[in-house]
PDB file of all heavy atoms in Angstrom:
ATOM      1  N   PHE A   1       2.893   1.590  -5.904  1.00  0.00           N
ATOM      2  CA  PHE A   1       2.556   1.536  -4.477  1.00  0.00           C
ATOM      3  C   PHE A   1       1.083   1.872  -4.285  1.00  0.00           C
ATOM      4  O   PHE A   1       0.551   2.781  -4.937  1.00  0.00           O
ATOM      5  CB  PHE A   1       3.434   2.526  -3.713  1.00  0.00           C
ATOM      6  CG  PHE A   1       3.030   2.731  -2.295  1.00  0.00           C
ATOM      7  CD1 PHE A   1       3.408   1.851  -1.306  1.00  0.00           C
ATOM      8  CD2 PHE A   1       2.259   3.833  -1.940  1.00  0.00           C
ATOM      9  CE1 PHE A   1       3.036   2.039   0.005  1.00  0.00           C
ATOM     10  CE2 PHE A   1       1.881   4.041  -0.630  1.00  0.00           C
ATOM     11  CZ  PHE A   1       2.276   3.144   0.350  1.00  0.00           C
ATOM     12  N   VAL A   2       0.448   1.141  -3.382  1.00  0.00           N
ATOM     13  CA  VAL A   2      -0.945   1.426  -3.034  1.00  0.00           C
ATOM     14  C   VAL A   2      -1.041   1.935  -1.601  1.00  0.00           C
ATOM     15  O   VAL A   2      -1.543   3.028  -1.355  1.00  0.00           O
ATOM     16  CB  VAL A   2      -1.823   0.167  -3.208  1.00  0.00           C
ATOM     17  CG1 VAL A   2      -3.258   0.453  -2.760  1.00  0.00           C
ATOM     18  CG2 VAL A   2      -1.788  -0.315  -4.653  1.00  0.00           C
ATOM     19  N   THR A   3      -0.543   1.147  -0.666  1.00  0.00           N
ATOM     20  CA  THR A   3      -0.653   1.511   0.739  1.00  0.00           C
ATOM     21  C   THR A   3       0.313   0.667   1.562  1.00  0.00           C
ATOM     22  O   THR A   3       0.780  -0.383   1.097  1.00  0.00           O
ATOM     23  CB  THR A   3      -2.100   1.326   1.242  1.00  0.00           C
ATOM     24  OG1 THR A   3      -2.184   1.708   2.615  1.00  0.00           O
ATOM     25  CG2 THR A   3      -2.521  -0.127   1.115  1.00  0.00           C
ATOM     26  N   ALA A   4       0.620   1.127   2.776  1.00  0.00           N
ATOM     27  CA  ALA A   4       1.492   0.379   3.671  1.00  0.00           C
ATOM     28  C   ALA A   4       1.094   0.655   5.107  1.00  0.00           C
ATOM     29  O   ALA A   4       0.465   1.682   5.406  1.00  0.00           O
ATOM     30  CB  ALA A   4       2.956   0.755   3.448  1.00  0.00           C
ATOM     31  N   ILE A   5       1.479  -0.255   5.981  1.00  0.00           N
ATOM     32  CA  ILE A   5       1.198  -0.109   7.404  1.00  0.00           C
ATOM     33  C   ILE A   5       2.402  -0.578   8.195  1.00  0.00           C
ATOM     34  O   ILE A   5       3.042  -1.582   7.847  1.00  0.00           O
ATOM     35  CB  ILE A   5      -0.074  -0.886   7.802  1.00  0.00           C
ATOM     36  CG1 ILE A   5      -0.473  -0.586   9.244  1.00  0.00           C
ATOM     37  CG2 ILE A   5       0.115  -2.396   7.596  1.00  0.00           C
ATOM     38  CD1 ILE A   5      -1.878  -1.084   9.604  1.00  0.00           C
ATOM     39  N   ARG A   6       2.727   0.169   9.233  1.00  0.00           N
ATOM     40  CA  ARG A   6       3.816  -0.224  10.115  1.00  0.00           C
ATOM     41  C   ARG A   6       3.241  -1.174  11.154  1.00  0.00           C
ATOM     42  O   ARG A   6       2.276  -0.847  11.833  1.00  0.00           O
ATOM     43  CB  ARG A   6       4.418   1.024  10.779  1.00  0.00           C
ATOM     44  CG  ARG A   6       5.758   0.794  11.427  1.00  0.00           C
ATOM     45  CD  ARG A   6       6.532   2.081  11.545  1.00  0.00           C
ATOM     46  NE  ARG A   6       5.779   3.091  12.261  1.00  0.00           N
ATOM     47  CZ  ARG A   6       6.060   4.398  12.193  1.00  0.00           C
ATOM     48  NH1 ARG A   6       7.035   4.819  11.424  1.00  0.00           N
ATOM     49  NH2 ARG A   6       5.354   5.266  12.896  1.00  0.00           N
ATOM     50  N   TRP A   7       3.844  -2.349  11.230  1.00  0.00           N
ATOM     51  CA  TRP A   7       3.253  -3.418  12.033  1.00  0.00           C
ATOM     52  C   TRP A   7       3.158  -3.032  13.505  1.00  0.00           C
ATOM     53  O   TRP A   7       2.190  -3.346  14.182  1.00  0.00           O
ATOM     54  CB  TRP A   7       4.080  -4.687  11.857  1.00  0.00           C
ATOM     55  CG  TRP A   7       3.351  -5.920  12.262  1.00  0.00           C
ATOM     56  CD1 TRP A   7       3.355  -6.502  13.501  1.00  0.00           C
ATOM     57  CD2 TRP A   7       2.487  -6.710  11.447  1.00  0.00           C
ATOM     58  NE1 TRP A   7       2.533  -7.611  13.481  1.00  0.00           N
ATOM     59  CE2 TRP A   7       1.996  -7.771  12.255  1.00  0.00           C
ATOM     60  CE3 TRP A   7       2.076  -6.636  10.126  1.00  0.00           C
ATOM     61  CZ2 TRP A   7       1.137  -8.747  11.766  1.00  0.00           C
ATOM     62  CZ3 TRP A   7       1.217  -7.612   9.636  1.00  0.00           C
ATOM     63  CH2 TRP A   7       0.752  -8.634  10.445  1.00  0.00           C
ATOM     64  N   SER A   8       4.149  -2.307  14.019  1.00  0.00           N
ATOM     65  CA  SER A   8       4.230  -2.061  15.454  1.00  0.00           C
ATOM     66  C   SER A   8       3.157  -1.106  15.966  1.00  0.00           C
ATOM     67  O   SER A   8       2.529  -1.359  17.001  1.00  0.00           O
ATOM     68  CB  SER A   8       5.604  -1.494  15.810  1.00  0.00           C
ATOM     69  OG  SER A   8       5.836  -0.293  15.081  1.00  0.00           O
ATOM     70  N   ASP A   9       2.934  -0.018  15.248  1.00  0.00           N
ATOM     71  CA  ASP A   9       2.010   0.994  15.761  1.00  0.00           C
ATOM     72  C   ASP A   9       0.829   1.291  14.844  1.00  0.00           C
ATOM     73  O   ASP A   9      -0.006   2.126  15.159  1.00  0.00           O
ATOM     74  CB  ASP A   9       2.750   2.295  16.059  1.00  0.00           C
ATOM     75  CG  ASP A   9       3.428   2.884  14.827  1.00  0.00           C
ATOM     76  OD1 ASP A   9       3.217   2.352  13.707  1.00  0.00           O
ATOM     77  OD2 ASP A   9       4.173   3.863  14.975  1.00  0.00           O
ATOM     78  N   GLY A  10       0.774   0.614  13.690  1.00  0.00           N
ATOM     79  CA  GLY A  10      -0.362   0.797  12.805  1.00  0.00           C
ATOM     80  C   GLY A  10      -0.333   2.053  11.968  1.00  0.00           C
ATOM     81  O   GLY A  10      -1.340   2.402  11.335  1.00  0.00           O
ATOM     82  N   ASN A  11       0.780   2.768  11.965  1.00  0.00           N
ATOM     83  CA  ASN A  11       0.880   3.965  11.141  1.00  0.00           C
ATOM     84  C   ASN A  11       0.719   3.591   9.666  1.00  0.00           C
ATOM     85  O   ASN A  11       1.277   2.590   9.212  1.00  0.00           O
ATOM     86  CB  ASN A  11       2.231   4.648  11.369  1.00  0.00           C
ATOM     87  CG  ASN A  11       2.199   6.091  10.986  1.00  0.00           C
ATOM     88  OD1 ASN A  11       1.175   6.754  11.144  1.00  0.00           O
ATOM     89  ND2 ASN A  11       3.301   6.604  10.466  1.00  0.00           N
ATOM     90  N   THR A  12      -0.049   4.394   8.926  1.00  0.00           N
ATOM     91  CA  THR A  12      -0.380   4.023   7.554  1.00  0.00           C
ATOM     92  C   THR A  12       0.083   5.055   6.530  1.00  0.00           C
ATOM     93  O   THR A  12       0.278   6.233   6.852  1.00  0.00           O
ATOM     94  CB  THR A  12      -1.893   3.822   7.396  1.00  0.00           C
ATOM     95  OG1 THR A  12      -2.566   5.021   7.803  1.00  0.00           O
ATOM     96  CG2 THR A  12      -2.382   2.663   8.238  1.00  0.00           C
ATOM     97  N   TYR A  13       0.226   4.601   5.299  1.00  0.00           N
ATOM     98  CA  TYR A  13       0.654   5.426   4.185  1.00  0.00           C
ATOM     99  C   TYR A  13      -0.200   5.038   2.975  1.00  0.00           C
ATOM    100  O   TYR A  13      -0.480   3.863   2.768  1.00  0.00           O
ATOM    101  CB  TYR A  13       2.133   5.172   3.867  1.00  0.00           C
ATOM    102  CG  TYR A  13       3.031   5.373   5.054  1.00  0.00           C
ATOM    103  CD1 TYR A  13       3.206   4.375   6.006  1.00  0.00           C
ATOM    104  CD2 TYR A  13       3.698   6.578   5.252  1.00  0.00           C
ATOM    105  CE1 TYR A  13       4.008   4.555   7.116  1.00  0.00           C
ATOM    106  CE2 TYR A  13       4.517   6.769   6.354  1.00  0.00           C
ATOM    107  CZ  TYR A  13       4.661   5.756   7.269  1.00  0.00           C
ATOM    108  OH  TYR A  13       5.457   5.951   8.371  1.00  0.00           O
ATOM    109  N   TYR A  14      -0.604   6.041   2.184  1.00  0.00           N
ATOM    110  CA  TYR A  14      -1.468   5.778   1.043  1.00  0.00           C
ATOM    111  C   TYR A  14      -1.001   6.544  -0.188  1.00  0.00           C
ATOM    112  O   TYR A  14      -0.528   7.674  -0.103  1.00  0.00           O
ATOM    113  CB  TYR A  14      -2.907   6.210   1.342  1.00  0.00           C
ATOM    114  CG  TYR A  14      -3.602   5.375   2.381  1.00  0.00           C
ATOM    115  CD1 TYR A  14      -3.616   5.761   3.715  1.00  0.00           C
ATOM    116  CD2 TYR A  14      -4.239   4.191   2.024  1.00  0.00           C
ATOM    117  CE1 TYR A  14      -4.243   4.983   4.678  1.00  0.00           C
ATOM    118  CE2 TYR A  14      -4.877   3.412   2.981  1.00  0.00           C
ATOM    119  CZ  TYR A  14      -4.869   3.811   4.295  1.00  0.00           C
ATOM    120  OH  TYR A  14      -5.503   3.039   5.246  1.00  0.00           O
ATOM    121  N   ALA A  15      -1.189   5.910  -1.343  1.00  0.00           N
ATOM    122  CA  ALA A  15      -1.001   6.628  -2.592  1.00  0.00           C
ATOM    123  C   ALA A  15      -2.160   7.608  -2.757  1.00  0.00           C
ATOM    124  O   ALA A  15      -3.286   7.335  -2.322  1.00  0.00           O
ATOM    125  CB  ALA A  15      -0.982   5.650  -3.764  1.00  0.00           C
ATOM    126  N   ASP A  16      -1.899   8.733  -3.386  1.00  0.00           N
ATOM    127  CA  ASP A  16      -2.939   9.749  -3.558  1.00  0.00           C
ATOM    128  C   ASP A  16      -4.138   9.176  -4.322  1.00  0.00           C
ATOM    129  O   ASP A  16      -5.278   9.582  -4.080  1.00  0.00           O
ATOM    130  CB  ASP A  16      -2.380  10.947  -4.314  1.00  0.00           C
ATOM    131  CG  ASP A  16      -1.427  11.765  -3.464  1.00  0.00           C
ATOM    132  OD1 ASP A  16      -1.452  11.627  -2.227  1.00  0.00           O
ATOM    133  OD2 ASP A  16      -0.648  12.552  -4.037  1.00  0.00           O
ATOM    134  N   SER A  17      -3.884   8.265  -5.232  1.00  0.00           N
ATOM    135  CA  SER A  17      -4.948   7.732  -6.091  1.00  0.00           C
ATOM    136  C   SER A  17      -5.971   6.891  -5.325  1.00  0.00           C
ATOM    137  O   SER A  17      -7.085   6.668  -5.820  1.00  0.00           O
ATOM    138  CB  SER A  17      -4.350   6.899  -7.219  1.00  0.00           C
ATOM    139  OG  SER A  17      -3.589   5.825  -6.698  1.00  0.00           O
ATOM    140  N   VAL A  18      -5.624   6.432  -4.131  1.00  0.00           N
ATOM    141  CA  VAL A  18      -6.541   5.574  -3.381  1.00  0.00           C
ATOM    142  C   VAL A  18      -6.949   6.190  -2.045  1.00  0.00           C
ATOM    143  O   VAL A  18      -7.805   5.622  -1.345  1.00  0.00           O
ATOM    144  CB  VAL A  18      -5.930   4.175  -3.143  1.00  0.00           C
ATOM    145  CG1 VAL A  18      -5.502   3.547  -4.435  1.00  0.00           C
ATOM    146  CG2 VAL A  18      -4.785   4.233  -2.142  1.00  0.00           C
ATOM    147  N   LYS A  19      -6.360   7.306  -1.697  1.00  0.00           N
ATOM    148  CA  LYS A  19      -6.642   7.938  -0.409  1.00  0.00           C
ATOM    149  C   LYS A  19      -8.128   8.263  -0.303  1.00  0.00           C
ATOM    150  O   LYS A  19      -8.724   8.823  -1.214  1.00  0.00           O
ATOM    151  CB  LYS A  19      -5.787   9.199  -0.275  1.00  0.00           C
ATOM    152  CG  LYS A  19      -5.536   9.640   1.140  1.00  0.00           C
ATOM    153  CD  LYS A  19      -4.509  10.770   1.170  1.00  0.00           C
ATOM    154  CE  LYS A  19      -3.130  10.283   0.769  1.00  0.00           C
ATOM    155  NZ  LYS A  19      -2.099  11.340   0.867  1.00  0.00           N
ATOM    156  N   GLY A  20      -8.711   7.871   0.817  1.00  0.00           N
ATOM    157  CA  GLY A  20     -10.128   8.122   1.023  1.00  0.00           C
ATOM    158  C   GLY A  20     -11.019   7.000   0.524  1.00  0.00           C
ATOM    159  O   GLY A  20     -12.209   6.958   0.845  1.00  0.00           O
ATOM    160  N   ARG A  21     -10.468   6.090  -0.268  1.00  0.00           N
ATOM    161  CA  ARG A  21     -11.259   4.962  -0.796  1.00  0.00           C
ATOM    162  C   ARG A  21     -10.768   3.619  -0.259  1.00  0.00           C
ATOM    163  O   ARG A  21     -11.572   2.709  -0.045  1.00  0.00           O
ATOM    164  CB  ARG A  21     -11.179   4.935  -2.327  1.00  0.00           C
ATOM    165  CG  ARG A  21     -11.717   6.177  -3.001  1.00  0.00           C
ATOM    166  CD  ARG A  21     -11.797   5.991  -4.521  1.00  0.00           C
ATOM    167  NE  ARG A  21     -10.487   5.746  -5.120  1.00  0.00           N
ATOM    168  CZ  ARG A  21     -10.196   4.673  -5.836  1.00  0.00           C
ATOM    169  NH1 ARG A  21     -11.102   3.743  -6.055  1.00  0.00           N
ATOM    170  NH2 ARG A  21      -8.980   4.533  -6.375  1.00  0.00           N
ATOM    171  N   PHE A  22      -9.467   3.505  -0.062  1.00  0.00           N
ATOM    172  CA  PHE A  22      -8.884   2.253   0.403  1.00  0.00           C
ATOM    173  C   PHE A  22      -8.440   2.407   1.859  1.00  0.00           C
ATOM    174  O   PHE A  22      -7.997   3.488   2.265  1.00  0.00           O
ATOM    175  CB  PHE A  22      -7.665   1.877  -0.435  1.00  0.00           C
ATOM    176  CG  PHE A  22      -7.966   1.450  -1.847  1.00  0.00           C
ATOM    177  CD1 PHE A  22      -9.224   1.622  -2.415  1.00  0.00           C
ATOM    178  CD2 PHE A  22      -6.976   0.860  -2.613  1.00  0.00           C
ATOM    179  CE1 PHE A  22      -9.481   1.224  -3.721  1.00  0.00           C
ATOM    180  CE2 PHE A  22      -7.212   0.460  -3.917  1.00  0.00           C
ATOM    181  CZ  PHE A  22      -8.468   0.646  -4.469  1.00  0.00           C
ATOM    182  N   THR A  23      -8.501   1.311   2.602  1.00  0.00           N
ATOM    183  CA  THR A  23      -8.050   1.305   3.983  1.00  0.00           C
ATOM    184  C   THR A  23      -7.243   0.042   4.246  1.00  0.00           C
ATOM    185  O   THR A  23      -7.717  -1.070   3.970  1.00  0.00           O
ATOM    186  CB  THR A  23      -9.232   1.351   4.956  1.00  0.00           C
ATOM    187  OG1 THR A  23     -10.017   2.518   4.703  1.00  0.00           O
ATOM    188  CG2 THR A  23      -8.733   1.399   6.400  1.00  0.00           C
ATOM    189  N   ILE A  24      -6.049   0.225   4.776  1.00  0.00           N
ATOM    190  CA  ILE A  24      -5.228  -0.918   5.166  1.00  0.00           C
ATOM    191  C   ILE A  24      -5.356  -1.105   6.677  1.00  0.00           C
ATOM    192  O   ILE A  24      -5.438  -0.130   7.430  1.00  0.00           O
ATOM    193  CB  ILE A  24      -3.748  -0.725   4.755  1.00  0.00           C
ATOM    194  CG1 ILE A  24      -2.947  -2.005   4.997  1.00  0.00           C
ATOM    195  CG2 ILE A  24      -3.127   0.463   5.470  1.00  0.00           C
ATOM    196  CD1 ILE A  24      -1.522  -1.944   4.428  1.00  0.00           C
ATOM    197  N   SER A  25      -5.379  -2.356   7.097  1.00  0.00           N
ATOM    198  CA  SER A  25      -5.459  -2.643   8.518  1.00  0.00           C
ATOM    199  C   SER A  25      -4.739  -3.957   8.789  1.00  0.00           C
ATOM    200  O   SER A  25      -4.411  -4.695   7.868  1.00  0.00           O
ATOM    201  CB  SER A  25      -6.911  -2.720   8.988  1.00  0.00           C
ATOM    202  OG  SER A  25      -7.596  -3.776   8.317  1.00  0.00           O
ATOM    203  N   ARG A  26      -4.529  -4.232  10.091  1.00  0.00           N
ATOM    204  CA  ARG A  26      -3.824  -5.452  10.440  1.00  0.00           C
ATOM    205  C   ARG A  26      -4.494  -6.096  11.639  1.00  0.00           C
ATOM    206  O   ARG A  26      -5.084  -5.413  12.478  1.00  0.00           O
ATOM    207  CB  ARG A  26      -2.365  -5.162  10.768  1.00  0.00           C
ATOM    208  CG  ARG A  26      -2.128  -4.570  12.135  1.00  0.00           C
ATOM    209  CD  ARG A  26      -0.944  -3.683  12.192  1.00  0.00           C
ATOM    210  NE  ARG A  26      -0.544  -3.332  13.545  1.00  0.00           N
ATOM    211  CZ  ARG A  26      -1.185  -2.459  14.318  1.00  0.00           C
ATOM    212  NH1 ARG A  26      -2.303  -1.905  13.899  1.00  0.00           N
ATOM    213  NH2 ARG A  26      -0.727  -2.158  15.517  1.00  0.00           N
ATOM    214  N   ASP A  27      -4.362  -7.400  11.687  1.00  0.00           N
ATOM    215  CA  ASP A  27      -4.825  -8.169  12.846  1.00  0.00           C
ATOM    216  C   ASP A  27      -3.606  -8.916  13.356  1.00  0.00           C
ATOM    217  O   ASP A  27      -3.197  -9.924  12.788  1.00  0.00           O
ATOM    218  CB  ASP A  27      -5.941  -9.127  12.432  1.00  0.00           C
ATOM    219  CG  ASP A  27      -6.548  -9.864  13.610  1.00  0.00           C
ATOM    220  OD1 ASP A  27      -5.814 -10.158  14.581  1.00  0.00           O
ATOM    221  OD2 ASP A  27      -7.748 -10.151  13.564  1.00  0.00           O
ATOM    222  N   ASN A  28      -3.037  -8.402  14.439  1.00  0.00           N
ATOM    223  CA  ASN A  28      -1.802  -8.991  14.951  1.00  0.00           C
ATOM    224  C   ASN A  28      -1.999 -10.441  15.384  1.00  0.00           C
ATOM    225  O   ASN A  28      -1.127 -11.288  15.178  1.00  0.00           O
ATOM    226  CB  ASN A  28      -1.281  -8.162  16.120  1.00  0.00           C
ATOM    227  CG  ASN A  28      -0.751  -6.822  15.677  1.00  0.00           C
ATOM    228  OD1 ASN A  28      -0.729  -6.509  14.492  1.00  0.00           O
ATOM    229  ND2 ASN A  28      -0.333  -6.014  16.630  1.00  0.00           N
ATOM    230  N   ALA A  29      -3.135 -10.730  15.970  1.00  0.00           N
ATOM    231  CA  ALA A  29      -3.374 -12.081  16.470  1.00  0.00           C
ATOM    232  C   ALA A  29      -3.448 -13.107  15.339  1.00  0.00           C
ATOM    233  O   ALA A  29      -3.043 -14.260  15.493  1.00  0.00           O
ATOM    234  CB  ALA A  29      -4.662 -12.115  17.285  1.00  0.00           C
ATOM    235  N   LYS A  30      -3.944 -12.658  14.197  1.00  0.00           N
ATOM    236  CA  LYS A  30      -4.089 -13.558  13.054  1.00  0.00           C
ATOM    237  C   LYS A  30      -2.944 -13.422  12.062  1.00  0.00           C
ATOM    238  O   LYS A  30      -2.928 -14.129  11.041  1.00  0.00           O
ATOM    239  CB  LYS A  30      -5.412 -13.273  12.331  1.00  0.00           C
ATOM    240  CG  LYS A  30      -6.644 -13.579  13.157  1.00  0.00           C
ATOM    241  CD  LYS A  30      -7.904 -13.333  12.348  1.00  0.00           C
ATOM    242  CE  LYS A  30      -9.147 -13.691  13.151  1.00  0.00           C
ATOM    243  NZ  LYS A  30     -10.394 -13.464  12.387  1.00  0.00           N
ATOM    244  N   ASN A  31      -2.017 -12.529  12.332  1.00  0.00           N
ATOM    245  CA  ASN A  31      -0.910 -12.282  11.396  1.00  0.00           C
ATOM    246  C   ASN A  31      -1.437 -12.048   9.983  1.00  0.00           C
ATOM    247  O   ASN A  31      -0.966 -12.645   9.000  1.00  0.00           O
ATOM    248  CB  ASN A  31       0.083 -13.446  11.393  1.00  0.00           C
ATOM    249  CG  ASN A  31       0.934 -13.467  12.643  1.00  0.00           C
ATOM    250  OD1 ASN A  31       1.248 -12.430  13.214  1.00  0.00           O
ATOM    251  ND2 ASN A  31       1.296 -14.656  13.078  1.00  0.00           N
ATOM    252  N   THR A  32      -2.413 -11.183   9.905  1.00  0.00           N
ATOM    253  CA  THR A  32      -3.072 -10.920   8.626  1.00  0.00           C
ATOM    254  C   THR A  32      -3.209  -9.423   8.412  1.00  0.00           C
ATOM    255  O   THR A  32      -3.489  -8.668   9.347  1.00  0.00           O
ATOM    256  CB  THR A  32      -4.457 -11.590   8.577  1.00  0.00           C
ATOM    257  OG1 THR A  32      -4.310 -12.995   8.750  1.00  0.00           O
ATOM    258  CG2 THR A  32      -5.143 -11.332   7.241  1.00  0.00           C
ATOM    259  N   VAL A  33      -3.003  -9.025   7.169  1.00  0.00           N
ATOM    260  CA  VAL A  33      -3.185  -7.634   6.769  1.00  0.00           C
ATOM    261  C   VAL A  33      -4.326  -7.588   5.764  1.00  0.00           C
ATOM    262  O   VAL A  33      -4.455  -8.473   4.905  1.00  0.00           O
ATOM    263  CB  VAL A  33      -1.901  -7.072   6.142  1.00  0.00           C
ATOM    264  CG1 VAL A  33      -2.140  -5.664   5.601  1.00  0.00           C
ATOM    265  CG2 VAL A  33      -0.786  -7.047   7.168  1.00  0.00           C
ATOM    266  N   TYR A  34      -5.144  -6.556   5.869  1.00  0.00           N
ATOM    267  CA  TYR A  34      -6.314  -6.415   5.009  1.00  0.00           C
ATOM    268  C   TYR A  34      -6.221  -5.144   4.182  1.00  0.00           C
ATOM    269  O   TYR A  34      -5.635  -4.147   4.609  1.00  0.00           O
ATOM    270  CB  TYR A  34      -7.589  -6.379   5.840  1.00  0.00           C
ATOM    271  CG  TYR A  34      -7.775  -7.582   6.723  1.00  0.00           C
ATOM    272  CD1 TYR A  34      -7.440  -7.531   8.076  1.00  0.00           C
ATOM    273  CD2 TYR A  34      -8.275  -8.774   6.213  1.00  0.00           C
ATOM    274  CE1 TYR A  34      -7.596  -8.632   8.893  1.00  0.00           C
ATOM    275  CE2 TYR A  34      -8.441  -9.885   7.035  1.00  0.00           C
ATOM    276  CZ  TYR A  34      -8.090  -9.806   8.363  1.00  0.00           C
ATOM    277  OH  TYR A  34      -8.254 -10.908   9.176  1.00  0.00           O
ATOM    278  N   LEU A  35      -6.833  -5.194   3.020  1.00  0.00           N
ATOM    279  CA  LEU A  35      -6.983  -4.008   2.202  1.00  0.00           C
ATOM    280  C   LEU A  35      -8.453  -3.907   1.830  1.00  0.00           C
ATOM    281  O   LEU A  35      -8.948  -4.673   1.005  1.00  0.00           O
ATOM    282  CB  LEU A  35      -6.124  -4.082   0.939  1.00  0.00           C
ATOM    283  CG  LEU A  35      -6.258  -2.905  -0.015  1.00  0.00           C
ATOM    284  CD1 LEU A  35      -5.868  -1.597   0.682  1.00  0.00           C
ATOM    285  CD2 LEU A  35      -5.402  -3.109  -1.269  1.00  0.00           C
ATOM    286  N   GLN A  36      -9.129  -2.974   2.463  1.00  0.00           N
ATOM    287  CA  GLN A  36     -10.531  -2.706   2.156  1.00  0.00           C
ATOM    288  C   GLN A  36     -10.590  -1.684   1.036  1.00  0.00           C
ATOM    289  O   GLN A  36     -10.060  -0.580   1.183  1.00  0.00           O
ATOM    290  CB  GLN A  36     -11.268  -2.186   3.386  1.00  0.00           C
ATOM    291  CG  GLN A  36     -12.732  -1.851   3.127  1.00  0.00           C
ATOM    292  CD  GLN A  36     -13.577  -3.068   2.810  1.00  0.00           C
ATOM    293  OE1 GLN A  36     -13.455  -4.095   3.467  1.00  0.00           O
ATOM    294  NE2 GLN A  36     -14.433  -2.953   1.795  1.00  0.00           N
ATOM    295  N   MET A  37     -11.211  -2.056  -0.053  1.00  0.00           N
ATOM    296  CA  MET A  37     -11.270  -1.180  -1.226  1.00  0.00           C
ATOM    297  C   MET A  37     -12.730  -0.821  -1.508  1.00  0.00           C
ATOM    298  O   MET A  37     -13.537  -1.703  -1.799  1.00  0.00           O
ATOM    299  CB  MET A  37     -10.652  -1.884  -2.435  1.00  0.00           C
ATOM    300  CG  MET A  37      -9.232  -2.347  -2.213  1.00  0.00           C
ATOM    301  SD  MET A  37      -8.460  -3.057  -3.683  1.00  0.00           S
ATOM    302  CE  MET A  37      -9.468  -4.522  -3.894  1.00  0.00           C
ATOM    303  N   ASN A  38     -13.037   0.452  -1.385  1.00  0.00           N
ATOM    304  CA  ASN A  38     -14.382   0.956  -1.635  1.00  0.00           C
ATOM    305  C   ASN A  38     -14.375   1.890  -2.834  1.00  0.00           C
ATOM    306  O   ASN A  38     -13.330   2.373  -3.254  1.00  0.00           O
ATOM    307  CB  ASN A  38     -14.910   1.691  -0.405  1.00  0.00           C
ATOM    308  CG  ASN A  38     -15.017   0.803   0.809  1.00  0.00           C
ATOM    309  OD1 ASN A  38     -15.257  -0.405   0.702  1.00  0.00           O
ATOM    310  ND2 ASN A  38     -14.828   1.388   1.988  1.00  0.00           N
ATOM    311  N   SER A  39     -15.560   2.151  -3.353  1.00  0.00           N
ATOM    312  CA  SER A  39     -15.707   3.066  -4.493  1.00  0.00           C
ATOM    313  C   SER A  39     -14.723   2.722  -5.602  1.00  0.00           C
ATOM    314  O   SER A  39     -14.036   3.593  -6.145  1.00  0.00           O
ATOM    315  CB  SER A  39     -15.500   4.516  -4.035  1.00  0.00           C
ATOM    316  OG  SER A  39     -16.416   4.858  -3.028  1.00  0.00           O
ATOM    317  N   LEU A  40     -14.671   1.467  -5.942  1.00  0.00           N
ATOM    318  CA  LEU A  40     -13.700   1.008  -6.932  1.00  0.00           C
ATOM    319  C   LEU A  40     -13.973   1.592  -8.302  1.00  0.00           C
ATOM    320  O   LEU A  40     -15.136   1.806  -8.690  1.00  0.00           O
ATOM    321  CB  LEU A  40     -13.705  -0.519  -6.985  1.00  0.00           C
ATOM    322  CG  LEU A  40     -12.947  -1.194  -5.838  1.00  0.00           C
ATOM    323  CD1 LEU A  40     -13.349  -2.655  -5.695  1.00  0.00           C
ATOM    324  CD2 LEU A  40     -11.454  -1.068  -6.047  1.00  0.00           C
ATOM    325  N   LYS A  41     -12.889   1.842  -9.025  1.00  0.00           N
ATOM    326  CA  LYS A  41     -12.948   2.413 -10.361  1.00  0.00           C
ATOM    327  C   LYS A  41     -12.303   1.445 -11.352  1.00  0.00           C
ATOM    328  O   LYS A  41     -11.440   0.640 -10.960  1.00  0.00           O
ATOM    329  CB  LYS A  41     -12.189   3.742 -10.391  1.00  0.00           C
ATOM    330  CG  LYS A  41     -12.650   4.754  -9.367  1.00  0.00           C
ATOM    331  CD  LYS A  41     -11.753   5.982  -9.387  1.00  0.00           C
ATOM    332  CE  LYS A  41     -12.173   6.997  -8.336  1.00  0.00           C
ATOM    333  NZ  LYS A  41     -11.295   8.196  -8.345  1.00  0.00           N
TER     334      LYS A  41
END
């Protein structure tokens, strides 16, 4: 598991290994989910 987002309210969950580096987000209008990954290892 890396991360998850609840579609209705945007609540998010992260694995400890990526917390603070990765961000999950959603665009309801585009029906698209994004995973922004920074400080990659």
